[in-house]
Amino acid sequence: MPAREILQLGNKTLWEKSIVVDDPSSLETQSVVRDLSDTLAGFRRTTGFGRGIAAPQLGVLKRMIFIRMQPAGFCSALINPHISRLSDDQIELWDDCFSFPELMVRVRRAAQVRVEYLDERGAHCSIDAQGDLSELLQHEIDHLDGILAVQRAISPTAFSTRAEWERNLKRASADV
């Protein structure tokens, strides 16, 4: 299936809260999962980056995300995901988003999380994540609540274009 258009910053749908998926195994849910997977793969082929996507970014206000972490090998649709535990320890990082791919935002997130969700068959699952996966899960679940990374900026100066970040900030953030 071809990749779908990703809604961009300014589209009011991105600020709306998603509703619970009633039937994870329905044809409608499976179709959205395929769209998420295909769109993530297409974005990654085009840009060389991308690890996760949320249904609201495709204009679908359902509580669904799709994660494909490389090289960690975690690849899954998470239906009705919610964070059941956040660590007190925090990490600070430059965050980006498919909905504003040329903008980087400095954010602070929990270093570790536990996320509970349903898989595509409706089975209850949980994952304990830390580091990159923890940050990614928090970012994507925020989308389901109508929260964008720009709202999580640590200060009014915590923004950069991707080009400036690549030139001057990427190396500095790796050294932290």
N, C-alpha and C. Protein backbone atom coordinates (compact mmCIF):
# COMPACT_ATOMS: atom_id res chain seq x y z
N MET A 1 0.85 -1.18 0.00
CA MET A 1 0.00 0.00 0.00
C MET A 1 0.90 1.25 0.00
N PRO A 2 0.55 2.27 -0.76
CA PRO A 2 1.39 3.47 -0.79
C PRO A 2 1.35 4.23 0.53
N ALA A 3 2.43 4.95 0.78
CA ALA A 3 2.51 5.76 1.99
C ALA A 3 1.44 6.85 1.94
N ARG A 4 0.91 7.19 3.10
CA ARG A 4 -0.10 8.25 3.21
C ARG A 4 0.58 9.58 3.50
N GLU A 5 -0.15 10.64 3.23
CA GLU A 5 0.34 11.98 3.54
C GLU A 5 0.39 12.16 5.06
N ILE A 6 1.47 12.78 5.55
CA ILE A 6 1.63 13.05 6.97
C ILE A 6 1.20 14.48 7.24
N LEU A 7 0.27 14.65 8.17
CA LEU A 7 -0.21 15.98 8.52
C LEU A 7 0.94 16.80 9.08
N GLN A 8 0.97 18.09 8.74
CA GLN A 8 2.05 18.97 9.15
C GLN A 8 1.60 19.95 10.23
N LEU A 9 2.58 20.44 10.98
CA LEU A 9 2.36 21.42 12.04
C LEU A 9 1.49 22.54 11.50
N GLY A 10 0.43 22.85 12.22
CA GLY A 10 -0.56 23.84 11.80
C GLY A 10 -1.90 23.18 11.50
N ASN A 11 -1.87 21.88 11.20
CA ASN A 11 -3.12 21.15 10.97
C ASN A 11 -3.78 20.90 12.31
N LYS A 12 -5.00 21.38 12.49
CA LYS A 12 -5.66 21.32 13.79
C LYS A 12 -5.90 19.89 14.28
N THR A 13 -5.95 18.92 13.39
CA THR A 13 -6.17 17.53 13.81
C THR A 13 -5.06 17.05 14.73
N LEU A 14 -3.83 17.54 14.53
CA LEU A 14 -2.70 17.11 15.35
C LEU A 14 -2.87 17.49 16.82
N TRP A 15 -3.70 18.47 17.11
CA TRP A 15 -3.90 18.95 18.48
C TRP A 15 -5.08 18.25 19.16
N GLU A 16 -5.76 17.36 18.45
CA GLU A 16 -6.95 16.69 19.00
C GLU A 16 -6.57 15.39 19.69
N LYS A 17 -7.38 15.01 20.67
CA LYS A 17 -7.16 13.78 21.42
C LYS A 17 -7.80 12.60 20.67
N SER A 18 -7.09 11.50 20.63
CA SER A 18 -7.55 10.30 19.93
C SER A 18 -8.48 9.47 20.81
N ILE A 19 -9.32 8.68 20.15
CA ILE A 19 -10.25 7.81 20.87
C ILE A 19 -9.71 6.38 20.93
N VAL A 20 -10.21 5.63 21.87
CA VAL A 20 -9.81 4.23 22.09
C VAL A 20 -10.26 3.38 20.91
N VAL A 21 -9.41 2.42 20.54
CA VAL A 21 -9.74 1.44 19.50
C VAL A 21 -10.55 0.33 20.17
N ASP A 22 -11.76 0.09 19.69
CA ASP A 22 -12.63 -0.92 20.28
C ASP A 22 -12.24 -2.34 19.89
N ASP A 23 -11.83 -2.53 18.65
CA ASP A 23 -11.54 -3.89 18.16
C ASP A 23 -10.19 -3.90 17.44
N PRO A 24 -9.12 -4.31 18.15
CA PRO A 24 -7.79 -4.33 17.53
C PRO A 24 -7.68 -5.22 16.30
N SER A 25 -8.54 -6.23 16.19
CA SER A 25 -8.42 -7.16 15.07
C SER A 25 -9.36 -6.82 13.91
N SER A 26 -10.07 -5.70 13.99
CA SER A 26 -11.01 -5.34 12.92
C SER A 26 -10.24 -5.01 11.63
N LEU A 27 -10.94 -5.11 10.51
CA LEU A 27 -10.33 -4.77 9.23
C LEU A 27 -9.90 -3.30 9.20
N GLU A 28 -10.70 -2.43 9.80
CA GLU A 28 -10.37 -1.01 9.85
C GLU A 28 -9.06 -0.79 10.61
N THR A 29 -8.92 -1.43 11.77
CA THR A 29 -7.70 -1.29 12.56
C THR A 29 -6.51 -1.84 11.80
N GLN A 30 -6.66 -3.00 11.19
CA GLN A 30 -5.56 -3.60 10.43
C GLN A 30 -5.15 -2.72 9.25
N SER A 31 -6.12 -2.06 8.64
CA SER A 31 -5.82 -1.16 7.53
C SER A 31 -5.00 0.04 8.02
N VAL A 32 -5.35 0.60 9.17
CA VAL A 32 -4.59 1.72 9.73
C VAL A 32 -3.18 1.27 10.10
N VAL A 33 -3.03 0.07 10.67
CA VAL A 33 -1.71 -0.46 11.01
C VAL A 33 -0.85 -0.56 9.75
N ARG A 34 -1.41 -1.09 8.66
CA ARG A 34 -0.66 -1.18 7.39
C ARG A 34 -0.27 0.21 6.89
N ASP A 35 -1.20 1.15 6.98
CA ASP A 35 -0.91 2.53 6.55
C ASP A 35 0.21 3.13 7.38
N LEU A 36 0.18 2.91 8.69
CA LEU A 36 1.24 3.42 9.56
C LEU A 36 2.59 2.81 9.19
N SER A 37 2.62 1.50 9.02
CA SER A 37 3.85 0.80 8.68
C SER A 37 4.39 1.27 7.32
N ASP A 38 3.52 1.34 6.33
CA ASP A 38 3.94 1.74 4.99
C ASP A 38 4.40 3.20 4.96
N THR A 39 3.71 4.06 5.68
CA THR A 39 4.08 5.47 5.70
C THR A 39 5.40 5.67 6.41
N LEU A 40 5.60 4.97 7.52
CA LEU A 40 6.88 5.04 8.22
C LEU A 40 8.01 4.55 7.31
N ALA A 41 7.81 3.43 6.64
CA ALA A 41 8.83 2.89 5.73
C ALA A 41 9.12 3.86 4.59
N GLY A 42 8.08 4.46 4.03
CA GLY A 42 8.26 5.41 2.94
C GLY A 42 9.01 6.66 3.39
N PHE A 43 8.68 7.16 4.58
CA PHE A 43 9.37 8.34 5.11
C PHE A 43 10.84 8.02 5.33
N ARG A 44 11.09 6.85 5.88
CA ARG A 44 12.48 6.44 6.14
C ARG A 44 13.28 6.29 4.83
N ARG A 45 12.65 5.73 3.80
CA ARG A 45 13.33 5.60 2.50
C ARG A 45 13.66 6.98 1.93
N THR A 46 12.75 7.92 2.09
CA THR A 46 12.92 9.25 1.52
C THR A 46 13.92 10.10 2.29
N THR A 47 13.89 10.02 3.62
CA THR A 47 14.69 10.93 4.45
C THR A 47 15.90 10.29 5.09
N GLY A 48 15.87 8.97 5.27
CA GLY A 48 16.96 8.28 5.95
C GLY A 48 16.79 8.22 7.45
N PHE A 49 15.68 8.74 7.97
CA PHE A 49 15.43 8.64 9.41
C PHE A 49 13.94 8.40 9.65
N GLY A 50 13.63 8.04 10.88
CA GLY A 50 12.24 7.78 11.27
C GLY A 50 12.14 6.45 11.99
N ARG A 51 11.52 6.49 13.18
CA ARG A 51 11.42 5.27 14.00
C ARG A 51 10.00 4.97 14.44
N GLY A 52 9.11 5.94 14.38
CA GLY A 52 7.76 5.71 14.87
C GLY A 52 6.80 6.73 14.29
N ILE A 53 5.52 6.37 14.30
CA ILE A 53 4.48 7.24 13.77
C ILE A 53 3.19 6.95 14.52
N ALA A 54 2.37 7.98 14.68
CA ALA A 54 1.09 7.85 15.38
C ALA A 54 -0.06 8.08 14.40
N ALA A 55 -1.16 7.39 14.62
CA ALA A 55 -2.32 7.49 13.73
C ALA A 55 -2.79 8.93 13.49
N PRO A 56 -2.79 9.81 14.51
CA PRO A 56 -3.24 11.18 14.24
C PRO A 56 -2.40 11.89 13.17
N GLN A 57 -1.16 11.48 12.98
CA GLN A 57 -0.33 12.09 11.94
C GLN A 57 -0.83 11.76 10.54
N LEU A 58 -1.69 10.72 10.44
CA LEU A 58 -2.33 10.38 9.17
C LEU A 58 -3.77 10.87 9.12
N GLY A 59 -4.16 11.64 10.15
CA GLY A 59 -5.52 12.15 10.22
C GLY A 59 -6.50 11.17 10.81
N VAL A 60 -6.00 10.11 11.44
CA VAL A 60 -6.86 9.08 12.05
C VAL A 60 -6.79 9.26 13.57
N LEU A 61 -7.87 9.70 14.16
CA LEU A 61 -7.87 9.98 15.61
C LEU A 61 -8.22 8.73 16.40
N LYS A 62 -7.36 7.74 16.27
CA LYS A 62 -7.46 6.47 17.01
C LYS A 62 -6.16 6.27 17.77
N ARG A 63 -6.23 5.62 18.94
CA ARG A 63 -5.06 5.42 19.80
C ARG A 63 -4.22 4.26 19.27
N MET A 64 -3.41 4.58 18.25
CA MET A 64 -2.56 3.58 17.60
C MET A 64 -1.24 4.23 17.23
N ILE A 65 -0.15 3.50 17.47
CA ILE A 65 1.17 3.94 17.02
C ILE A 65 1.87 2.73 16.39
N PHE A 66 2.87 3.03 15.59
CA PHE A 66 3.68 1.97 15.00
C PHE A 66 5.14 2.34 15.20
N ILE A 67 5.91 1.40 15.74
CA ILE A 67 7.31 1.62 16.06
C ILE A 67 8.16 0.63 15.27
N ARG A 68 9.24 1.14 14.66
CA ARG A 68 10.23 0.27 14.01
C ARG A 68 11.60 0.83 14.40
N MET A 69 12.19 0.23 15.44
CA MET A 69 13.50 0.68 15.94
C MET A 69 14.59 -0.14 15.26
N GLN A 70 15.53 0.54 14.66
CA GLN A 70 16.70 -0.12 14.07
C GLN A 70 17.92 0.37 14.82
N PRO A 71 18.89 -0.38 15.16
CA PRO A 71 19.00 -1.82 14.91
C PRO A 71 18.42 -2.67 16.05
N ALA A 72 17.76 -2.05 17.02
CA ALA A 72 17.28 -2.79 18.19
C ALA A 72 16.30 -3.90 17.82
N GLY A 73 15.65 -3.76 16.67
CA GLY A 73 14.79 -4.82 16.20
C GLY A 73 13.38 -4.81 16.78
N PHE A 74 13.00 -3.76 17.51
CA PHE A 74 11.63 -3.68 18.03
C PHE A 74 10.75 -3.12 16.93
N CYS A 75 9.78 -3.90 16.50
CA CYS A 75 8.87 -3.49 15.44
C CYS A 75 7.47 -3.95 15.85
N SER A 76 6.57 -2.99 16.05
CA SER A 76 5.26 -3.40 16.55
C SER A 76 4.23 -2.29 16.38
N ALA A 77 2.99 -2.71 16.20
CA ALA A 77 1.85 -1.80 16.33
C ALA A 77 1.43 -1.84 17.79
N LEU A 78 1.23 -0.69 18.38
CA LEU A 78 0.76 -0.59 19.76
C LEU A 78 -0.62 0.05 19.72
N ILE A 79 -1.61 -0.69 20.16
CA ILE A 79 -2.99 -0.23 20.12
C ILE A 79 -3.43 0.11 21.54
N ASN A 80 -4.03 1.28 21.69
CA ASN A 80 -4.44 1.81 22.98
C ASN A 80 -3.28 1.84 23.98
N PRO A 81 -2.10 2.30 23.55
CA PRO A 81 -0.96 2.32 24.48
C PRO A 81 -1.15 3.38 25.56
N HIS A 82 -0.68 3.07 26.74
CA HIS A 82 -0.66 4.07 27.81
C HIS A 82 0.57 3.81 28.69
N ILE A 83 1.07 4.88 29.22
CA ILE A 83 2.25 4.80 30.08
C ILE A 83 1.77 4.49 31.49
N SER A 84 2.23 3.36 32.02
CA SER A 84 1.81 2.96 33.37
C SER A 84 2.87 3.27 34.41
N ARG A 85 4.10 3.57 33.95
CA ARG A 85 5.16 3.93 34.89
C ARG A 85 6.17 4.82 34.18
N LEU A 86 6.54 5.90 34.87
CA LEU A 86 7.59 6.81 34.42
C LEU A 86 8.67 6.85 35.48
N SER A 87 9.92 6.80 35.09
CA SER A 87 11.00 6.93 36.07
C SER A 87 11.13 8.39 36.49
N ASP A 88 11.70 8.58 37.66
CA ASP A 88 12.00 9.95 38.11
C ASP A 88 13.20 10.50 37.35
N ASP A 89 14.12 9.61 36.93
CA ASP A 89 15.28 10.04 36.16
C ASP A 89 14.83 10.61 34.82
N GLN A 90 15.46 11.66 34.39
CA GLN A 90 15.09 12.33 33.15
C GLN A 90 16.26 12.33 32.17
N ILE A 91 15.93 12.42 30.90
CA ILE A 91 16.92 12.63 29.86
C ILE A 91 16.52 13.89 29.10
N GLU A 92 17.51 14.56 28.56
CA GLU A 92 17.27 15.75 27.76
C GLU A 92 17.83 15.47 26.37
N LEU A 93 17.07 15.81 25.33
CA LEU A 93 17.49 15.48 23.98
C LEU A 93 16.85 16.40 22.96
N TRP A 94 17.41 16.39 21.76
CA TRP A 94 16.80 17.07 20.62
C TRP A 94 15.81 16.12 19.99
N ASP A 95 14.56 16.53 19.92
CA ASP A 95 13.47 15.72 19.38
C ASP A 95 13.09 16.25 18.00
N ASP A 96 12.65 15.35 17.15
CA ASP A 96 12.13 15.75 15.85
C ASP A 96 10.82 15.03 15.61
N CYS A 97 10.15 15.39 14.53
CA CYS A 97 8.82 14.83 14.29
C CYS A 97 8.52 14.86 12.80
N PHE A 98 7.84 13.83 12.30
CA PHE A 98 7.43 13.79 10.89
C PHE A 98 6.54 14.97 10.54
N SER A 99 5.82 15.50 11.52
CA SER A 99 4.89 16.60 11.28
C SER A 99 5.57 17.96 11.24
N PHE A 100 6.84 18.00 11.59
CA PHE A 100 7.67 19.21 11.37
C PHE A 100 9.12 18.76 11.21
N PRO A 101 9.41 18.08 10.08
CA PRO A 101 10.70 17.41 9.89
C PRO A 101 11.91 18.33 9.83
N GLU A 102 11.72 19.60 9.58
CA GLU A 102 12.86 20.51 9.51
C GLU A 102 13.10 21.26 10.81
N LEU A 103 12.36 20.90 11.87
CA LEU A 103 12.47 21.57 13.16
C LEU A 103 12.92 20.58 14.22
N MET A 104 13.88 20.98 15.02
CA MET A 104 14.35 20.18 16.15
C MET A 104 13.94 20.93 17.42
N VAL A 105 13.53 20.18 18.45
CA VAL A 105 13.07 20.78 19.69
C VAL A 105 13.78 20.09 20.86
N ARG A 106 14.38 20.87 21.73
CA ARG A 106 15.04 20.31 22.92
C ARG A 106 13.97 20.05 23.97
N VAL A 107 13.86 18.77 24.41
CA VAL A 107 12.83 18.36 25.36
C VAL A 107 13.46 17.57 26.51
N ARG A 108 12.69 17.39 27.55
CA ARG A 108 13.08 16.55 28.69
C ARG A 108 11.99 15.49 28.84
N ARG A 109 12.45 14.24 28.98
CA ARG A 109 11.51 13.12 29.12
C ARG A 109 12.02 12.15 30.17
N ALA A 110 11.14 11.27 30.61
CA ALA A 110 11.54 10.23 31.56
C ALA A 110 12.55 9.30 30.90
N ALA A 111 13.56 8.90 31.66
CA ALA A 111 14.60 8.01 31.12
C ALA A 111 14.06 6.60 30.89
N GLN A 112 13.08 6.19 31.70
CA GLN A 112 12.51 4.84 31.57
C GLN A 112 11.00 4.92 31.69
N VAL A 113 10.32 4.06 30.94
CA VAL A 113 8.87 3.96 31.01
C VAL A 113 8.43 2.51 30.91
N ARG A 114 7.26 2.27 31.41
CA ARG A 114 6.55 1.02 31.12
C ARG A 114 5.30 1.43 30.35
N VAL A 115 5.10 0.79 29.19
CA VAL A 115 3.94 1.06 28.36
C VAL A 115 3.14 -0.22 28.24
N GLU A 116 1.86 -0.10 28.51
CA GLU A 116 0.94 -1.22 28.33
C GLU A 116 0.09 -0.94 27.10
N TYR A 117 -0.22 -2.00 26.34
CA TYR A 117 -0.93 -1.83 25.08
C TYR A 117 -1.54 -3.16 24.66
N LEU A 118 -2.33 -3.10 23.60
CA LEU A 118 -2.85 -4.29 22.95
C LEU A 118 -2.09 -4.48 21.65
N ASP A 119 -1.82 -5.74 21.31
CA ASP A 119 -1.21 -6.00 20.01
C ASP A 119 -2.32 -6.13 18.96
N GLU A 120 -1.95 -6.46 17.74
CA GLU A 120 -2.92 -6.53 16.64
C GLU A 120 -3.96 -7.64 16.80
N ARG A 121 -3.68 -8.59 17.67
CA ARG A 121 -4.65 -9.66 17.93
C ARG A 121 -5.51 -9.35 19.15
N GLY A 122 -5.21 -8.25 19.84
CA GLY A 122 -5.97 -7.87 21.03
C GLY A 122 -5.37 -8.39 22.32
N ALA A 123 -4.19 -9.01 22.25
CA ALA A 123 -3.53 -9.52 23.45
C ALA A 123 -2.92 -8.36 24.24
N HIS A 124 -3.03 -8.44 25.57
CA HIS A 124 -2.44 -7.43 26.45
C HIS A 124 -0.93 -7.63 26.50
N CYS A 125 -0.19 -6.55 26.30
CA CYS A 125 1.27 -6.59 26.30
C CYS A 125 1.80 -5.41 27.11
N SER A 126 3.05 -5.51 27.48
CA SER A 126 3.73 -4.36 28.10
C SER A 126 5.19 -4.40 27.69
N ILE A 127 5.79 -3.23 27.73
CA ILE A 127 7.20 -3.12 27.42
C ILE A 127 7.83 -2.15 28.39
N ASP A 128 8.97 -2.54 28.93
CA ASP A 128 9.79 -1.65 29.75
C ASP A 128 10.86 -1.11 28.83
N ALA A 129 10.92 0.21 28.71
CA ALA A 129 11.84 0.83 27.76
C ALA A 129 12.70 1.86 28.46
N GLN A 130 13.89 2.03 27.93
CA GLN A 130 14.77 3.08 28.43
C GLN A 130 15.45 3.75 27.25
N GLY A 131 16.07 4.90 27.50
CA GLY A 131 16.83 5.60 26.47
C GLY A 131 15.99 5.97 25.27
N ASP A 132 16.51 5.65 24.07
CA ASP A 132 15.86 6.04 22.82
C ASP A 132 14.44 5.52 22.69
N LEU A 133 14.22 4.26 23.06
CA LEU A 133 12.89 3.69 22.93
C LEU A 133 11.93 4.35 23.93
N SER A 134 12.40 4.63 25.13
CA SER A 134 11.57 5.33 26.11
C SER A 134 11.12 6.68 25.57
N GLU A 135 12.08 7.43 25.04
CA GLU A 135 11.78 8.76 24.49
C GLU A 135 10.79 8.66 23.34
N LEU A 136 11.01 7.70 22.44
CA LEU A 136 10.15 7.55 21.28
C LEU A 136 8.72 7.19 21.69
N LEU A 137 8.58 6.26 22.61
CA LEU A 137 7.23 5.90 23.06
C LEU A 137 6.50 7.09 23.67
N GLN A 138 7.20 7.88 24.48
CA GLN A 138 6.58 9.07 25.06
C GLN A 138 6.16 10.05 23.98
N HIS A 139 7.02 10.25 22.99
CA HIS A 139 6.72 11.17 21.88
C HIS A 139 5.46 10.72 21.14
N GLU A 140 5.41 9.44 20.77
CA GLU A 140 4.27 8.95 19.98
C GLU A 140 2.98 8.92 20.80
N ILE A 141 3.05 8.55 22.07
CA ILE A 141 1.85 8.55 22.91
C ILE A 141 1.36 9.98 23.13
N ASP A 142 2.27 10.94 23.23
CA ASP A 142 1.86 12.35 23.28
C ASP A 142 0.97 12.69 22.09
N HIS A 143 1.33 12.22 20.89
CA HIS A 143 0.51 12.49 19.71
C HIS A 143 -0.93 12.04 19.92
N LEU A 144 -1.12 10.92 20.59
CA LEU A 144 -2.47 10.40 20.82
C LEU A 144 -3.29 11.30 21.74
N ASP A 145 -2.59 12.10 22.53
CA ASP A 145 -3.25 13.04 23.44
C ASP A 145 -3.28 14.45 22.89
N GLY A 146 -2.90 14.62 21.62
CA GLY A 146 -2.91 15.94 21.00
C GLY A 146 -1.79 16.85 21.48
N ILE A 147 -0.70 16.25 21.95
CA ILE A 147 0.45 17.00 22.45
C ILE A 147 1.60 16.84 21.47
N LEU A 148 2.19 17.95 21.06
CA LEU A 148 3.32 17.92 20.15
C LEU A 148 4.60 18.29 20.88
N ALA A 149 5.73 17.86 20.35
CA ALA A 149 7.02 18.12 20.98
C ALA A 149 7.26 19.62 21.18
N VAL A 150 6.70 20.45 20.33
CA VAL A 150 6.89 21.90 20.50
C VAL A 150 6.32 22.38 21.84
N GLN A 151 5.34 21.67 22.36
CA GLN A 151 4.77 22.02 23.67
C GLN A 151 5.66 21.55 24.82
N ARG A 152 6.57 20.66 24.55
CA ARG A 152 7.47 20.11 25.56
C ARG A 152 8.84 20.80 25.56
N ALA A 153 9.01 21.82 24.75
CA ALA A 153 10.31 22.51 24.67
C ALA A 153 10.73 22.96 26.06
N ILE A 154 12.02 22.78 26.38
CA ILE A 154 12.51 23.12 27.72
C ILE A 154 12.65 24.62 27.94
N SER A 155 12.66 25.40 26.84
CA SER A 155 12.73 26.86 26.97
C SER A 155 12.32 27.48 25.64
N PRO A 156 12.10 28.78 25.63
CA PRO A 156 11.76 29.45 24.37
C PRO A 156 12.89 29.42 23.34
N THR A 157 14.11 29.12 23.77
CA THR A 157 15.24 29.06 22.83
C THR A 157 15.62 27.62 22.47
N ALA A 158 14.78 26.68 22.80
CA ALA A 158 15.09 25.26 22.61
C ALA A 158 14.62 24.74 21.25
N PHE A 159 14.83 25.54 20.21
CA PHE A 159 14.43 25.17 18.86
C PHE A 159 15.59 25.38 17.91
N SER A 160 15.64 24.54 16.87
CA SER A 160 16.67 24.68 15.85
C SER A 160 16.13 24.11 14.55
N THR A 161 16.57 24.67 13.44
CA THR A 161 16.27 24.00 12.18
C THR A 161 17.12 22.73 12.13
N ARG A 162 16.69 21.77 11.36
CA ARG A 162 17.45 20.52 11.22
C ARG A 162 18.84 20.81 10.64
N ALA A 163 18.91 21.71 9.67
CA ALA A 163 20.20 22.03 9.05
C ALA A 163 21.18 22.60 10.08
N GLU A 164 20.72 23.52 10.91
CA GLU A 164 21.59 24.11 11.95
C GLU A 164 21.97 23.05 12.97
N TRP A 165 21.04 22.19 13.34
CA TRP A 165 21.32 21.12 14.29
C TRP A 165 22.40 20.20 13.72
N GLU A 166 22.26 19.83 12.44
CA GLU A 166 23.26 18.97 11.79
C GLU A 166 24.64 19.64 11.79
N ARG A 167 24.68 20.95 11.50
CA ARG A 167 25.95 21.68 11.42
C ARG A 167 26.63 21.85 12.77
N ASN A 168 25.84 22.21 13.80
CA ASN A 168 26.46 22.67 15.05
C ASN A 168 26.03 21.99 16.34
N LEU A 169 24.86 21.40 16.37
CA LEU A 169 24.34 20.91 17.65
C LEU A 169 24.37 19.40 17.79
N LYS A 170 24.35 18.67 16.70
CA LYS A 170 24.30 17.20 16.74
C LYS A 170 25.50 16.65 17.53
N ARG A 171 26.69 17.11 17.20
CA ARG A 171 27.89 16.63 17.89
C ARG A 171 27.87 17.01 19.36
N ALA A 172 27.44 18.24 19.66
CA ALA A 172 27.40 18.70 21.04
C ALA A 172 26.41 17.88 21.87
N SER A 173 25.26 17.51 21.29
CA SER A 173 24.29 16.73 22.06
C SER A 173 24.74 15.30 22.27
N ALA A 174 25.57 14.78 21.37
CA ALA A 174 26.12 13.43 21.52
C ALA A 174 27.15 13.39 22.65
N ASP A 175 27.79 14.53 22.91
CA ASP A 175 28.80 14.60 23.96
C ASP A 175 28.22 14.71 25.36
N VAL A 176 26.91 15.01 25.45
CA VAL A 176 26.27 15.20 26.75
C VAL A 176 26.13 13.90 27.48
